[in-house]
Amino acid sequence: MVFAGAKVCNLFSTDGVGWDEEIVADLFVQRDQDLILDIPLLRGQNRDNITWKGEISRLYTVKSAYKIVQEINGQEDQSSAAVERFWKKFWALKLPPKMKNLAWRACQGCLPTMIQLRTKRVEVSSVCPVCNSQEESIFHALVGCPAAALCWNRVGIGTAASQQNTFFDWCASKFLVCDADQKKLIVALCWSIWNARNDKVWNNKTSSVESIVFSAQPYLNQWLTAHSSNVIFPSPGLIPGDGAEQWQPPHEDSIKVNVDAALFSNTTQFGIGFVICNAQGVLIEGVTKLFNGSTTPELVEAMGVKEALSWIKRNQPCKVILETDCLVFIQALRSSIEMIFMFGQVVKDCKVLLKELKSVSIFFIRRSTNKVAHSFARASLFYPDCTFNMGSVPIDLLPVLVAEVIG
C-alpha cells in the first residue's frame, strides 16, 4: 500500500487545526470521509489514552460498569426508558436509606428468601416460613404471601398481580398509578413486612397486620419530620455567586463575558457564541464561531469557554466575570481529577489559561440567564466566524440584546 506506515496526523491540514479535506477525499470512500470529517480536532500535542465510554470524564467507575453489565445481561427486560423512569422516581423519594436499600435489593433479586438461598446451595426448605404453604420467592415474601397481602389491602394499595410477576414488575406497575406519598408507603411497608418475616424466621414471632402497618407508617413519618428542613443545599461544586437566575451588568471596573454553545444535528456542525458587555450592559463585542463535526454538548461548551478565555488573553481587560450555563464544565473545572479524552484536555487548557489570567472569575448561571450568548451561539450557523459590535450586530439579534439591558 502506498501509505503504509502513515499516521492519522498525516490527514491533518498543514496548520494542524483541521482535516486536509483533499487528502481525505483522495483516500477514502464517501461514508468514511463523512465519519472522519465529523471528528473535531483540538490544538495542541496530546498523548493517546485508553478511555472509558461509560463516563463523561472517560475514567472508569464501578457504577457505570455495573450499569453496562446490567444491560448486557438483560436485567432490564422492559424498555430501558421505562426502567430509567422507574429508578428516577425511586431514588428521588425522601426515605430512610435502609428502606431504600431493602426495596432496591428486592427489585434486583438479591433478598435472601428461601428460594434464593436454595439457588446458593443452602440446605433449607423453599417453603415460606410465614404461611407454610407456598415457596418463598421475593414476590411472595413481600406481596403474594397472605400475611403480606393483608397489609397491602389494609393501606389501600392492594396486590393486583399474579404469582408469576417479579417483585420489580409489581413495584414498577404500582409506581405508575400511585402518588408520591403512596410510593413512599410502598417502600416503607416492604421494609416492615421483611422485618416481620425475619422475626418469624429468627425469633419464631408472628406479627399481626396491625403491628406491621403501624411499624411502617409512624417510623416513616418520624424520619420525614426529623429530616425536613428549609435549608437548600447547593449542588456539588458550586460556590457563592453561582446559580444566578437573572443577568446583571458587571461593576464599573469590570466587563462580563457570557458563553454558550449550540449543536446543529441536521448539518453535522456545532457553534459557539460569546458576548462581552460593559457596566452599562452595552455590547462591547459579540463573537460567533462555527465548526464542522459532531461531538458532545459538554465538549462544545468547554470549547466555547476556552475561546472566550483566549479572547480575554488577547485583549487583556482589567477585570472579567465569565459566565456559562454548563454545570458539567464548571464542576470539571473546579475538580482536582485530571480527566482524559478531549473534554478533559479542553478543561485542562482552560485551567492553564485561568492561571495566566489572574483577574478572571468564572461562574455557573441558569440557562434562562444566558439568553444573549445562546442567541449568538445559534446564530453562528448563519453568521459563522464573525465579530460584531453594537453598531454592526445583525438586526435579528438586537431584540434579545435590548431586552437584557432593560432587564
Protein backbone atom coordinates (compact mmCIF):
# COMPACT_ATOMS: atom_id res chain seq x y z
CA MET A 1 0.00 0.00 0.00
CA VAL A 2 1.28 3.48 -0.89
CA PHE A 3 0.63 4.94 2.56
CA ALA A 4 1.86 2.01 4.65
CA GLY A 5 3.22 3.36 7.93
CA ALA A 6 1.33 6.64 7.62
CA LYS A 7 -0.28 8.11 10.74
CA VAL A 8 -3.57 9.86 11.38
CA CYS A 9 -1.72 13.17 11.70
CA ASN A 10 -0.84 12.86 8.00
CA LEU A 11 -4.50 13.62 7.31
CA PHE A 12 -4.29 16.98 9.13
CA SER A 13 -4.03 20.31 7.35
CA THR A 14 -0.62 21.97 7.36
CA ASP A 15 -1.54 24.25 10.29
CA GLY A 16 -2.67 21.20 12.32
CA VAL A 17 -6.06 22.64 13.29
CA GLY A 18 -8.28 20.72 10.89
CA TRP A 19 -8.52 17.86 8.43
CA ASP A 20 -6.98 18.14 4.98
CA GLU A 21 -10.20 17.51 3.09
CA GLU A 22 -8.44 16.94 -0.25
CA ILE A 23 -6.28 14.12 1.14
CA VAL A 24 -9.25 12.58 2.96
CA ALA A 25 -11.29 12.69 -0.26
CA ASP A 26 -8.48 11.04 -2.24
CA LEU A 27 -8.03 8.15 0.20
CA PHE A 28 -11.48 7.25 1.49
CA VAL A 29 -14.95 6.43 0.21
CA GLN A 30 -17.72 8.94 0.94
CA ARG A 31 -19.01 7.13 4.03
CA ASP A 32 -15.56 7.10 5.65
CA GLN A 33 -14.93 10.71 4.61
CA ASP A 34 -18.06 11.81 6.45
CA LEU A 35 -17.11 9.87 9.59
CA ILE A 36 -13.57 11.29 9.64
CA LEU A 37 -14.58 14.89 8.99
CA ASP A 38 -17.19 14.64 11.77
CA ILE A 39 -14.41 14.24 14.35
CA PRO A 40 -13.41 17.67 15.76
CA LEU A 41 -9.69 18.35 16.13
CA LEU A 42 -8.17 20.27 19.02
CA ARG A 43 -5.00 22.32 19.07
CA GLY A 44 -2.01 21.01 20.96
CA GLN A 45 0.01 17.81 21.12
CA ASN A 46 -1.62 15.31 23.49
CA ARG A 47 -0.61 11.74 24.20
CA ASP A 48 -3.09 8.99 23.41
CA ASN A 49 -5.09 7.47 26.26
CA ILE A 50 -7.35 4.50 26.78
CA THR A 51 -10.75 5.93 27.72
CA TRP A 52 -13.95 4.58 29.26
CA LYS A 53 -17.09 5.46 27.29
CA GLY A 54 -19.42 4.98 30.28
CA GLU A 55 -18.49 8.29 31.98
CA ILE A 56 -18.22 11.89 30.79
CA SER A 57 -14.79 12.06 32.45
CA ARG A 58 -13.79 8.99 30.36
CA LEU A 59 -12.44 7.47 33.60
CA TYR A 60 -13.62 4.03 34.71
CA THR A 61 -16.12 3.79 37.59
CA VAL A 62 -17.74 0.71 39.11
CA LYS A 63 -21.16 2.37 38.90
CA SER A 64 -21.02 2.83 35.13
CA ALA A 65 -19.61 -0.67 34.64
CA TYR A 66 -22.44 -2.14 36.70
CA LYS A 67 -24.98 -0.33 34.55
CA ILE A 68 -23.41 -1.69 31.37
CA VAL A 69 -23.32 -5.25 32.76
CA GLN A 70 -26.99 -4.99 33.70
CA GLU A 71 -27.83 -4.01 30.14
CA ILE A 72 -25.69 -6.79 28.63
CA ASN A 73 -27.19 -9.43 30.91
CA GLY A 74 -30.69 -8.35 30.02
CA GLN A 75 -31.65 -7.46 33.59
CA GLU A 76 -33.78 -4.64 32.24
CA ASP A 77 -36.30 -6.76 30.39
CA GLN A 78 -38.69 -3.86 29.97
CA SER A 79 -37.88 -0.96 27.72
CA SER A 80 -34.84 0.88 29.06
CA ALA A 81 -36.73 4.18 29.05
CA ALA A 82 -39.49 2.78 31.30
CA VAL A 83 -36.94 1.25 33.67
CA GLU A 84 -35.00 4.50 33.80
CA ARG A 85 -38.17 6.42 34.67
CA PHE A 86 -38.93 3.98 37.48
CA TRP A 87 -35.48 4.28 39.04
CA LYS A 88 -35.52 8.05 38.69
CA LYS A 89 -38.78 8.16 40.68
CA PHE A 90 -37.48 5.60 43.16
CA TRP A 91 -34.21 7.36 44.01
CA ALA A 92 -35.97 10.74 44.21
CA LEU A 93 -38.10 9.53 47.14
CA LYS A 94 -37.16 11.03 50.51
CA LEU A 95 -36.87 7.87 52.59
CA PRO A 96 -34.52 6.32 55.17
CA PRO A 97 -31.58 4.76 53.33
CA LYS A 98 -32.19 1.34 54.91
CA MET A 99 -35.72 1.28 53.46
CA LYS A 100 -34.48 2.21 50.00
CA ASN A 101 -31.72 -0.36 50.22
CA LEU A 102 -34.19 -3.14 51.09
CA ALA A 103 -36.50 -2.25 48.18
CA TRP A 104 -33.57 -1.90 45.77
CA ARG A 105 -32.25 -5.34 46.73
CA ALA A 106 -35.72 -6.80 46.25
CA CYS A 107 -36.01 -5.25 42.78
CA GLN A 108 -32.58 -6.62 41.88
CA GLY A 109 -33.49 -10.13 43.08
CA CYS A 110 -30.96 -10.06 45.92
CA LEU A 111 -33.09 -10.70 49.05
CA PRO A 112 -32.22 -13.98 50.84
CA THR A 113 -35.61 -15.66 50.56
CA MET A 114 -35.83 -19.43 50.81
CA ILE A 115 -35.78 -19.90 47.03
CA GLN A 116 -32.80 -17.54 46.71
CA LEU A 117 -30.92 -19.42 49.43
CA ARG A 118 -31.51 -22.74 47.69
CA THR A 119 -30.07 -21.33 44.45
CA LYS A 120 -26.93 -20.63 46.52
CA ARG A 121 -26.94 -24.31 47.60
CA VAL A 122 -28.02 -23.57 51.16
CA GLU A 123 -29.85 -26.63 52.51
CA VAL A 124 -33.16 -25.08 53.58
CA SER A 125 -36.79 -25.68 52.74
CA SER A 126 -38.12 -23.47 49.96
CA VAL A 127 -41.48 -23.12 51.74
CA CYS A 128 -42.45 -19.68 53.08
CA PRO A 129 -41.79 -19.58 56.87
CA VAL A 130 -44.79 -17.27 57.39
CA CYS A 131 -47.64 -19.03 55.56
CA ASN A 132 -46.06 -22.52 55.31
CA SER A 133 -48.00 -23.17 52.11
CA GLN A 134 -46.08 -21.80 49.10
CA GLU A 135 -42.48 -21.43 48.01
CA GLU A 136 -40.91 -18.20 49.19
CA SER A 137 -39.81 -16.06 46.24
CA ILE A 138 -39.11 -12.36 46.70
CA PHE A 139 -42.51 -11.51 45.21
CA HIS A 140 -44.21 -13.99 47.55
CA ALA A 141 -42.40 -12.75 50.67
CA LEU A 142 -43.22 -9.08 50.10
CA VAL A 143 -46.50 -9.19 48.16
CA GLY A 144 -48.04 -12.61 47.48
CA CYS A 145 -47.93 -14.17 50.95
CA PRO A 146 -51.42 -13.97 52.55
CA ALA A 147 -49.99 -12.06 55.53
CA ALA A 148 -48.29 -9.54 53.23
CA ALA A 149 -51.38 -9.23 51.02
CA LEU A 150 -53.49 -8.32 54.07
CA CYS A 151 -51.05 -5.48 54.83
CA TRP A 152 -51.29 -4.10 51.29
CA ASN A 153 -55.07 -4.27 51.38
CA ARG A 154 -55.11 -2.57 54.80
CA VAL A 155 -53.27 0.51 53.47
CA GLY A 156 -55.40 0.63 50.31
CA ILE A 157 -52.69 -0.27 47.81
CA GLY A 158 -53.57 -3.92 47.20
CA THR A 159 -51.57 -6.57 45.37
CA ALA A 160 -53.33 -6.87 41.98
CA ALA A 161 -50.66 -9.10 40.45
CA SER A 162 -50.30 -12.75 39.57
CA GLN A 163 -47.77 -15.00 41.28
CA GLN A 164 -45.78 -15.13 38.02
CA ASN A 165 -44.83 -11.47 38.33
CA THR A 166 -41.43 -10.48 39.70
CA PHE A 167 -41.33 -8.03 42.57
CA PHE A 168 -39.83 -5.44 40.23
CA ASP A 169 -42.74 -5.82 37.80
CA TRP A 170 -45.22 -5.34 40.61
CA CYS A 171 -43.39 -2.37 42.12
CA ALA A 172 -42.95 -0.63 38.75
CA SER A 173 -46.65 -1.07 37.91
CA LYS A 174 -47.65 0.43 41.27
CA PHE A 175 -45.34 3.41 40.77
CA LEU A 176 -47.22 4.23 37.56
CA VAL A 177 -50.53 4.78 39.39
CA CYS A 178 -49.51 5.87 42.90
CA ASP A 179 -48.81 9.38 44.13
CA ALA A 180 -45.60 10.37 45.93
CA ASP A 181 -46.89 9.52 49.43
CA GLN A 182 -48.10 6.10 48.29
CA LYS A 183 -44.73 5.39 46.66
CA LYS A 184 -43.03 6.14 49.98
CA LEU A 185 -45.51 3.89 51.77
CA ILE A 186 -44.81 1.03 49.34
CA VAL A 187 -41.10 1.12 50.15
CA ALA A 188 -41.70 1.56 53.89
CA LEU A 189 -44.20 -1.30 54.06
CA CYS A 190 -41.85 -3.63 52.16
CA TRP A 191 -39.24 -2.89 54.82
CA SER A 192 -41.73 -3.58 57.63
CA ILE A 193 -43.03 -6.81 56.03
CA TRP A 194 -39.48 -8.09 55.60
CA ASN A 195 -38.65 -7.27 59.24
CA ALA A 196 -41.74 -9.19 60.36
CA ARG A 197 -40.72 -12.12 58.18
CA ASN A 198 -37.24 -12.13 59.76
CA ASP A 199 -38.82 -12.02 63.23
CA LYS A 200 -40.67 -15.20 62.34
CA VAL A 201 -37.53 -16.89 60.98
CA TRP A 202 -35.15 -15.98 63.80
CA ASN A 203 -37.39 -15.47 66.83
CA ASN A 204 -40.45 -17.55 65.87
CA LYS A 205 -42.53 -14.41 66.50
CA THR A 206 -45.70 -13.90 64.48
CA SER A 207 -46.58 -10.25 63.78
CA SER A 208 -50.13 -9.04 63.27
CA VAL A 209 -51.20 -7.00 60.25
CA GLU A 210 -51.78 -4.02 62.54
CA SER A 211 -48.27 -4.16 64.03
CA ILE A 212 -46.63 -4.46 60.60
CA VAL A 213 -48.54 -1.49 59.17
CA PHE A 214 -48.05 0.53 62.35
CA SER A 215 -44.32 -0.17 62.27
CA ALA A 216 -44.03 1.24 58.75
CA GLN A 217 -46.11 4.44 58.76
CA PRO A 218 -45.15 6.08 62.10
CA TYR A 219 -41.46 5.32 61.60
CA LEU A 220 -41.61 6.88 58.14
CA ASN A 221 -43.44 9.96 59.45
CA GLN A 222 -40.91 10.43 62.26
CA TRP A 223 -38.00 10.17 59.86
CA LEU A 224 -39.54 12.66 57.42
CA THR A 225 -40.20 15.11 60.27
CA ALA A 226 -36.66 14.77 61.60
CA HIS A 227 -35.17 15.34 58.16
CA SER A 228 -37.43 18.13 56.97
CA SER A 229 -35.61 21.45 56.59
CA ASN A 230 -35.91 24.70 54.74
CA VAL A 231 -32.18 24.77 54.14
CA ILE A 232 -31.35 24.49 50.43
CA PHE A 233 -28.08 22.68 49.91
CA PRO A 234 -26.07 23.78 46.88
CA SER A 235 -25.19 21.34 44.14
CA PRO A 236 -21.72 19.77 44.36
CA GLY A 237 -19.00 22.10 43.12
CA LEU A 238 -21.00 25.34 43.42
CA ILE A 239 -19.67 28.43 45.17
CA PRO A 240 -21.18 31.79 46.20
CA GLY A 241 -22.00 33.70 43.02
CA ASP A 242 -23.18 30.62 41.13
CA GLY A 243 -26.76 29.97 40.06
CA ALA A 244 -27.83 33.49 39.05
CA GLU A 245 -31.37 33.48 37.67
CA GLN A 246 -31.26 36.98 36.18
CA TRP A 247 -28.48 38.63 34.18
CA GLN A 248 -26.80 41.59 35.89
CA PRO A 249 -24.24 44.01 34.41
CA PRO A 250 -20.77 43.97 36.00
CA HIS A 251 -19.32 46.66 38.25
CA GLU A 252 -17.80 49.81 36.76
CA ASP A 253 -14.27 48.43 36.75
CA SER A 254 -15.25 45.13 35.10
CA ILE A 255 -16.60 43.55 31.95
CA LYS A 256 -18.80 40.47 31.73
CA VAL A 257 -18.37 37.64 29.22
CA ASN A 258 -21.23 35.20 28.66
CA VAL A 259 -20.58 31.97 26.73
CA ASP A 260 -22.86 29.36 25.18
CA ALA A 261 -22.75 26.62 22.54
CA ALA A 262 -25.14 25.03 20.06
CA LEU A 263 -25.28 21.70 18.22
CA PHE A 264 -26.74 21.56 14.71
CA SER A 265 -27.54 17.89 14.13
CA ASN A 266 -29.08 18.47 10.68
CA THR A 267 -25.83 19.83 9.27
CA THR A 268 -23.35 17.92 11.48
CA GLN A 269 -21.92 21.19 12.75
CA PHE A 270 -21.64 22.95 16.09
CA GLY A 271 -21.19 26.57 17.04
CA ILE A 272 -20.19 28.75 19.94
CA GLY A 273 -21.07 32.30 20.80
CA PHE A 274 -19.85 34.69 23.46
CA VAL A 275 -20.72 38.29 24.24
CA ILE A 276 -18.76 40.92 26.13
CA CYS A 277 -20.70 43.68 27.90
CA ASN A 278 -19.68 46.71 29.95
CA ALA A 279 -21.05 48.03 33.25
CA GLN A 280 -23.99 49.65 31.43
CA GLY A 281 -24.93 46.32 29.85
CA VAL A 282 -23.94 47.59 26.39
CA LEU A 283 -22.38 45.12 23.97
CA ILE A 284 -18.65 45.66 23.51
CA GLU A 285 -18.15 42.69 21.24
CA GLY A 286 -20.00 39.56 20.18
CA VAL A 287 -18.27 36.57 18.62
CA THR A 288 -19.63 33.58 16.71
CA LYS A 289 -17.66 30.54 15.56
CA LEU A 290 -18.84 27.54 13.54
CA PHE A 291 -17.15 24.12 13.39
CA ASN A 292 -17.72 21.02 11.30
CA GLY A 293 -18.28 17.67 13.00
CA SER A 294 -20.45 16.15 15.69
CA THR A 295 -19.48 15.87 19.34
CA THR A 296 -20.87 16.00 22.86
CA PRO A 297 -22.60 19.09 24.34
CA GLU A 298 -20.18 19.37 27.26
CA LEU A 299 -17.15 19.38 24.91
CA VAL A 300 -18.67 22.15 22.79
CA GLU A 301 -19.43 24.19 25.93
CA ALA A 302 -15.85 23.72 27.12
CA MET A 303 -14.51 24.80 23.72
CA GLY A 304 -16.67 27.92 23.97
CA VAL A 305 -15.17 28.86 27.34
CA LYS A 306 -11.67 28.23 26.00
CA GLU A 307 -12.32 30.53 23.02
CA ALA A 308 -13.63 33.23 25.38
CA LEU A 309 -10.58 32.91 27.65
CA SER A 310 -8.33 33.19 24.59
CA TRP A 311 -10.15 36.42 23.63
CA ILE A 312 -9.60 37.75 27.16
CA LYS A 313 -5.90 36.87 26.98
CA ARG A 314 -5.51 38.71 23.67
CA ASN A 315 -7.37 41.84 24.78
CA GLN A 316 -6.14 41.99 28.39
CA PRO A 317 -9.10 43.78 30.05
CA CYS A 318 -8.70 44.84 33.68
CA LYS A 319 -11.25 42.62 35.45
CA VAL A 320 -13.53 39.97 33.94
CA ILE A 321 -16.54 37.96 35.08
CA LEU A 322 -17.13 34.96 32.82
CA GLU A 323 -20.45 33.08 32.96
CA THR A 324 -21.53 29.74 31.46
CA ASP A 325 -24.67 27.63 31.90
CA CYS A 326 -22.82 24.30 31.61
CA LEU A 327 -22.72 22.83 35.13
CA VAL A 328 -20.76 19.76 33.99
CA PHE A 329 -17.96 22.02 32.74
CA ILE A 330 -17.93 24.12 35.94
CA GLN A 331 -17.70 21.01 38.12
CA ALA A 332 -14.91 19.60 35.95
CA LEU A 333 -13.05 22.92 36.04
CA ARG A 334 -13.15 23.02 39.84
CA SER A 335 -12.33 19.34 40.27
CA SER A 336 -8.84 18.14 41.10
CA ILE A 337 -9.38 15.00 39.00
CA GLU A 338 -7.39 15.10 35.78
CA MET A 339 -9.73 13.81 33.11
CA ILE A 340 -8.64 12.28 29.84
CA PHE A 341 -10.26 12.35 26.40
CA MET A 342 -10.95 15.60 24.51
CA PHE A 343 -13.31 17.14 27.10
CA GLY A 344 -10.72 16.70 29.83
CA GLN A 345 -7.99 18.18 27.63
CA VAL A 346 -10.04 21.31 26.92
CA VAL A 347 -10.82 21.67 30.65
CA LYS A 348 -7.09 21.38 31.34
CA ASP A 349 -6.37 24.09 28.74
CA CYS A 350 -8.93 26.35 30.44
CA LYS A 351 -7.25 25.81 33.81
CA VAL A 352 -3.90 26.83 32.31
CA LEU A 353 -5.43 29.98 30.81
CA LEU A 354 -7.12 30.88 34.11
CA LYS A 355 -3.79 30.62 35.93
CA GLU A 356 -2.35 33.17 33.48
CA LEU A 357 -5.40 35.45 33.74
CA LYS A 358 -5.39 36.46 37.39
CA SER A 359 -8.32 38.88 37.07
CA VAL A 360 -10.90 36.41 35.66
CA SER A 361 -13.68 34.93 37.79
CA ILE A 362 -15.87 32.20 36.30
CA PHE A 363 -19.37 31.28 37.47
CA PHE A 364 -22.24 28.95 36.66
CA ILE A 365 -25.58 30.59 35.75
CA ARG A 366 -29.03 29.29 34.87
CA ARG A 367 -29.80 28.73 31.20
CA SER A 368 -32.55 31.35 31.32
CA THR A 369 -29.91 33.91 32.33
CA ASN A 370 -27.75 33.19 29.30
CA LYS A 371 -30.19 34.15 26.54
CA VAL A 372 -27.94 36.56 24.63
CA ALA A 373 -24.98 34.17 24.42
CA HIS A 374 -27.41 31.41 23.48
CA SER A 375 -28.78 33.54 20.62
CA PHE A 376 -25.27 34.25 19.34
CA ALA A 377 -24.36 30.55 19.51
CA ARG A 378 -27.46 29.64 17.48
CA ALA A 379 -26.69 32.47 15.04
CA SER A 380 -23.25 31.01 14.32
CA LEU A 381 -24.94 28.79 11.72
CA PHE A 382 -25.94 31.89 9.72
CA TYR A 383 -23.05 34.18 10.74
CA PRO A 384 -20.06 31.83 11.02
CA ASP A 385 -16.78 33.16 12.41
CA CYS A 386 -17.97 36.74 12.83
CA THR A 387 -17.23 39.53 15.27
CA PHE A 388 -19.82 42.24 16.00
CA ASN A 389 -20.05 45.43 18.00
CA MET A 390 -23.21 47.35 18.88
CA GLY A 391 -23.13 49.14 15.55
CA SER A 392 -22.75 46.05 13.38
CA VAL A 393 -24.77 43.41 15.21
CA PRO A 394 -27.36 41.69 12.94
CA ILE A 395 -30.86 43.07 13.29
CA ASP A 396 -32.29 39.66 14.30
CA LEU A 397 -30.04 39.65 17.39
CA LEU A 398 -30.94 43.17 18.55
CA PRO A 399 -34.19 42.34 20.42
CA VAL A 400 -32.54 39.94 22.84
CA LEU A 401 -29.71 42.44 23.46
CA VAL A 402 -32.13 45.26 24.20
CA ALA A 403 -34.25 43.02 26.44
CA GLU A 404 -31.20 42.16 28.54
CA VAL A 405 -30.17 45.79 29.01
CA ILE A 406 -33.72 46.78 30.00
CA GLY A 407 -33.89 43.80 32.35
